[in-house]
Structure formats: C-alpha cells, structure tokens
Amino acid sequence: MEFAGARMPRQATDKKCVDDGGWLDRSYSAEFTMPREDVVARLQEAFPRVRHHVTECSGNSCAVAGCEWDTCFSNSREDSAPTGQAAIVQLEVRYEDRGSARVQLKAFNI
C-alpha cells in the first residue's frame, strides 16, 4: 500500500499482496474484500489520488482493459503521480454479494 501511496481501507479482510516486479521495474498487485456499503467513498479516502470512473461505466459494469468490473478507479498520466512511488495505480471492484466487494489493486512504474 505504501508503494501505491495509500493505506489499506478499514474493515478490509482476505488481504493478499504480490510483488510482480522484475529487476528493472516495480509492480505490485493486491486483493482484498471489504464491505460493499460506501465502497466508493471508502476507497477514495484510502486512495486519495485515484479518480472514480463514473463516466466510463455503462449499466452496472465498467470496461477496463477488456474486463468488466462493477466500478473502477485510476490515476491518469495527465494527473500528477499518486503519493508513493507508483506511477500508475488502478483499482477494480467487483460486488460479490449484497454485503461485500472484492477489490483488485495494481500499482506499477512505467
């Protein structure tokens, strides 16, 4: 989370983090489950430099890199880099049921 310039949201469970980087680049992926209620506000609080992509969503899903998610967040190259060392931070959220959301984080340098 520090590399992404963020902190783990409160009430996050089932946390997994993987160092996907190589000798030349740094890249991390993480997954966690959190309460679905107020998930957008909670993620914006925990990840202050990423933006929620409301306009890219159609219906209940968001198309990002060919995958469909219930809602998405990222910083853009035009924005300043997120706090932390990552150049790009992306969050993708899939609603698992009425009470929980599964969040996938990708943070990397270009």
C-alpha atoms as a PDB file:
ATOM      1  CA  MET A   1       0.000   0.000   0.000  1.00  0.00           C
ATOM      2  CA  GLU A   2       2.871   2.365   0.717  1.00  0.00           C
ATOM      3  CA  PHE A   3       4.200   1.935  -2.851  1.00  0.00           C
ATOM      4  CA  ALA A   4       0.713   2.860  -4.148  1.00  0.00           C
ATOM      5  CA  GLY A   5       0.602   5.924  -1.878  1.00  0.00           C
ATOM      6  CA  ALA A   6      -2.359   4.588   0.033  1.00  0.00           C
ATOM      7  CA  ARG A   7      -3.422   2.707   3.085  1.00  0.00           C
ATOM      8  CA  MET A   8      -5.488  -0.411   3.480  1.00  0.00           C
ATOM      9  CA  PRO A   9      -9.150   0.532   3.885  1.00  0.00           C
ATOM     10  CA  ARG A  10     -10.627  -0.082   7.297  1.00  0.00           C
ATOM     11  CA  GLN A  11     -12.576  -3.311   7.579  1.00  0.00           C
ATOM     12  CA  ALA A  12     -10.627  -4.938   4.699  1.00  0.00           C
ATOM     13  CA  THR A  13     -10.296  -8.719   5.017  1.00  0.00           C
ATOM     14  CA  ASP A  14      -8.845 -11.600   2.975  1.00  0.00           C
ATOM     15  CA  LYS A  15      -5.814  -9.487   2.069  1.00  0.00           C
ATOM     16  CA  LYS A  16      -3.265 -10.730  -0.477  1.00  0.00           C
ATOM     17  CA  CYS A  17      -0.290  -8.826  -1.893  1.00  0.00           C
ATOM     18  CA  VAL A  18       2.150  -9.948  -4.588  1.00  0.00           C
ATOM     19  CA  ASP A  19       5.378  -8.349  -5.795  1.00  0.00           C
ATOM     20  CA  ASP A  20       5.007  -8.659  -9.582  1.00  0.00           C
ATOM     21  CA  GLY A  21       8.077  -6.573 -10.413  1.00  0.00           C
ATOM     22  CA  GLY A  22      11.281  -7.622 -12.078  1.00  0.00           C
ATOM     23  CA  TRP A  23      14.839  -6.425 -11.878  1.00  0.00           C
ATOM     24  CA  LEU A  24      14.068  -3.295 -13.902  1.00  0.00           C
ATOM     25  CA  ASP A  25      10.565  -2.316 -12.825  1.00  0.00           C
ATOM     26  CA  ARG A  26       8.410  -2.314  -9.727  1.00  0.00           C
ATOM     27  CA  SER A  27       4.893  -3.661  -9.759  1.00  0.00           C
ATOM     28  CA  TYR A  28       2.557  -4.871  -7.043  1.00  0.00           C
ATOM     29  CA  SER A  29      -0.888  -6.381  -7.109  1.00  0.00           C
ATOM     30  CA  ALA A  30      -3.187  -6.817  -4.157  1.00  0.00           C
ATOM     31  CA  GLU A  31      -6.664  -8.114  -3.498  1.00  0.00           C
ATOM     32  CA  PHE A  32      -8.923  -7.666  -0.527  1.00  0.00           C
ATOM     33  CA  THR A  33     -12.563  -7.872   0.459  1.00  0.00           C
ATOM     34  CA  MET A  34     -14.382  -5.021   2.146  1.00  0.00           C
ATOM     35  CA  PRO A  35     -17.955  -4.062   2.985  1.00  0.00           C
ATOM     36  CA  ARG A  36     -19.918  -3.027  -0.103  1.00  0.00           C
ATOM     37  CA  GLU A  37     -21.646  -0.184   1.715  1.00  0.00           C
ATOM     38  CA  ASP A  38     -19.953   3.141   0.868  1.00  0.00           C
ATOM     39  CA  VAL A  39     -17.208   1.291  -1.058  1.00  0.00           C
ATOM     40  CA  VAL A  40     -16.590   4.266  -3.387  1.00  0.00           C
ATOM     41  CA  ALA A  41     -16.188   6.747  -0.523  1.00  0.00           C
ATOM     42  CA  ARG A  42     -14.021   4.354   1.487  1.00  0.00           C
ATOM     43  CA  LEU A  43     -11.701   3.706  -1.452  1.00  0.00           C
ATOM     44  CA  GLN A  44     -11.433   7.409  -2.268  1.00  0.00           C
ATOM     45  CA  GLU A  45     -10.435   8.037   1.345  1.00  0.00           C
ATOM     46  CA  ALA A  46      -7.824   5.252   1.353  1.00  0.00           C
ATOM     47  CA  PHE A  47      -6.516   6.107  -2.149  1.00  0.00           C
ATOM     48  CA  PRO A  48      -6.755   9.928  -2.323  1.00  0.00           C
ATOM     49  CA  ARG A  49      -5.016  10.438  -5.704  1.00  0.00           C
ATOM     50  CA  VAL A  50      -7.056   7.996  -7.819  1.00  0.00           C
ATOM     51  CA  ARG A  51     -10.289   9.017  -9.505  1.00  0.00           C
ATOM     52  CA  HIS A  52     -13.545   7.115  -9.690  1.00  0.00           C
ATOM     53  CA  HIS A  53     -14.516   6.450 -13.327  1.00  0.00           C
ATOM     54  CA  VAL A  54     -18.240   7.112 -13.307  1.00  0.00           C
ATOM     55  CA  THR A  55     -18.499   8.233 -16.943  1.00  0.00           C
ATOM     56  CA  GLU A  56     -16.832   5.097 -18.320  1.00  0.00           C
ATOM     57  CA  CYS A  57     -19.414   2.853 -16.723  1.00  0.00           C
ATOM     58  CA  SER A  58     -22.479   1.617 -18.532  1.00  0.00           C
ATOM     59  CA  GLY A  59     -25.200  -0.045 -16.543  1.00  0.00           C
ATOM     60  CA  ASN A  60     -23.649  -1.844 -13.617  1.00  0.00           C
ATOM     61  CA  SER A  61     -20.242  -2.533 -15.121  1.00  0.00           C
ATOM     62  CA  CYS A  62     -17.125  -0.688 -16.164  1.00  0.00           C
ATOM     63  CA  ALA A  63     -14.946  -1.756 -19.097  1.00  0.00           C
ATOM     64  CA  VAL A  64     -11.235  -1.550 -18.284  1.00  0.00           C
ATOM     65  CA  ALA A  65      -8.595  -3.324 -20.368  1.00  0.00           C
ATOM     66  CA  GLY A  66     -11.190  -5.670 -21.819  1.00  0.00           C
ATOM     67  CA  CYS A  67     -12.520  -6.779 -18.436  1.00  0.00           C
ATOM     68  CA  GLU A  68     -15.789  -5.818 -16.841  1.00  0.00           C
ATOM     69  CA  TRP A  69     -15.958  -4.625 -13.264  1.00  0.00           C
ATOM     70  CA  ASP A  70     -18.686  -3.069 -11.182  1.00  0.00           C
ATOM     71  CA  THR A  71     -16.682   0.115 -10.631  1.00  0.00           C
ATOM     72  CA  CYS A  72     -13.137   1.323 -11.360  1.00  0.00           C
ATOM     73  CA  PHE A  73     -10.559   3.864 -10.169  1.00  0.00           C
ATOM     74  CA  SER A  74      -7.177   5.015 -11.514  1.00  0.00           C
ATOM     75  CA  ASN A  75      -4.873   7.959 -11.824  1.00  0.00           C
ATOM     76  CA  SER A  76      -4.184   9.183 -15.352  1.00  0.00           C
ATOM     77  CA  ARG A  77      -0.891  10.141 -16.926  1.00  0.00           C
ATOM     78  CA  GLU A  78      -2.162  13.720 -17.123  1.00  0.00           C
ATOM     79  CA  ASP A  79      -2.678  13.785 -13.353  1.00  0.00           C
ATOM     80  CA  SER A  80       0.221  14.069 -11.019  1.00  0.00           C
ATOM     81  CA  ALA A  81       1.618  10.761  -9.881  1.00  0.00           C
ATOM     82  CA  PRO A  82      -0.059   9.299  -6.836  1.00  0.00           C
ATOM     83  CA  THR A  83       1.571   9.797  -3.477  1.00  0.00           C
ATOM     84  CA  GLY A  84       4.047   6.981  -3.116  1.00  0.00           C
ATOM     85  CA  GLN A  85       6.426   5.586  -5.695  1.00  0.00           C
ATOM     86  CA  ALA A  86       3.975   4.085  -8.213  1.00  0.00           C
ATOM     87  CA  ALA A  87       3.440   5.958 -11.474  1.00  0.00           C
ATOM     88  CA  ILE A  88       0.099   4.241 -12.121  1.00  0.00           C
ATOM     89  CA  VAL A  89      -2.453   2.947  -9.614  1.00  0.00           C
ATOM     90  CA  GLN A  90      -5.612   1.113 -10.681  1.00  0.00           C
ATOM     91  CA  LEU A  91      -8.438  -0.269  -8.564  1.00  0.00           C
ATOM     92  CA  GLU A  92     -11.139  -2.563  -9.889  1.00  0.00           C
ATOM     93  CA  VAL A  93     -14.138  -3.536  -7.786  1.00  0.00           C
ATOM     94  CA  ARG A  94     -16.472  -6.487  -8.214  1.00  0.00           C
ATOM     95  CA  TYR A  95     -19.530  -6.785  -5.993  1.00  0.00           C
ATOM     96  CA  GLU A  96     -19.587 -10.309  -4.608  1.00  0.00           C
ATOM     97  CA  ASP A  97     -22.964 -10.182  -2.933  1.00  0.00           C
ATOM     98  CA  ARG A  98     -25.235  -7.657  -1.246  1.00  0.00           C
ATOM     99  CA  GLY A  99     -22.756  -7.096   1.580  1.00  0.00           C
ATOM    100  CA  SER A 100     -19.226  -7.370   0.200  1.00  0.00           C
ATOM    101  CA  ALA A 101     -16.970  -6.113  -2.569  1.00  0.00           C
ATOM    102  CA  ARG A 102     -13.732  -7.655  -3.867  1.00  0.00           C
ATOM    103  CA  VAL A 103     -11.088  -5.059  -4.743  1.00  0.00           C
ATOM    104  CA  GLN A 104      -8.127  -5.687  -7.017  1.00  0.00           C
ATOM    105  CA  LEU A 105      -5.223  -3.210  -6.901  1.00  0.00           C
ATOM    106  CA  LYS A 106      -2.462  -2.790  -9.495  1.00  0.00           C
ATOM    107  CA  ALA A 107       0.368  -0.353  -8.778  1.00  0.00           C
ATOM    108  CA  PHE A 108       3.350  -0.066 -11.082  1.00  0.00           C
ATOM    109  CA  ASN A 109       6.019   2.092 -12.687  1.00  0.00           C
ATOM    110  CA  ILE A 110       6.242   2.500 -16.422  1.00  0.00           C
END
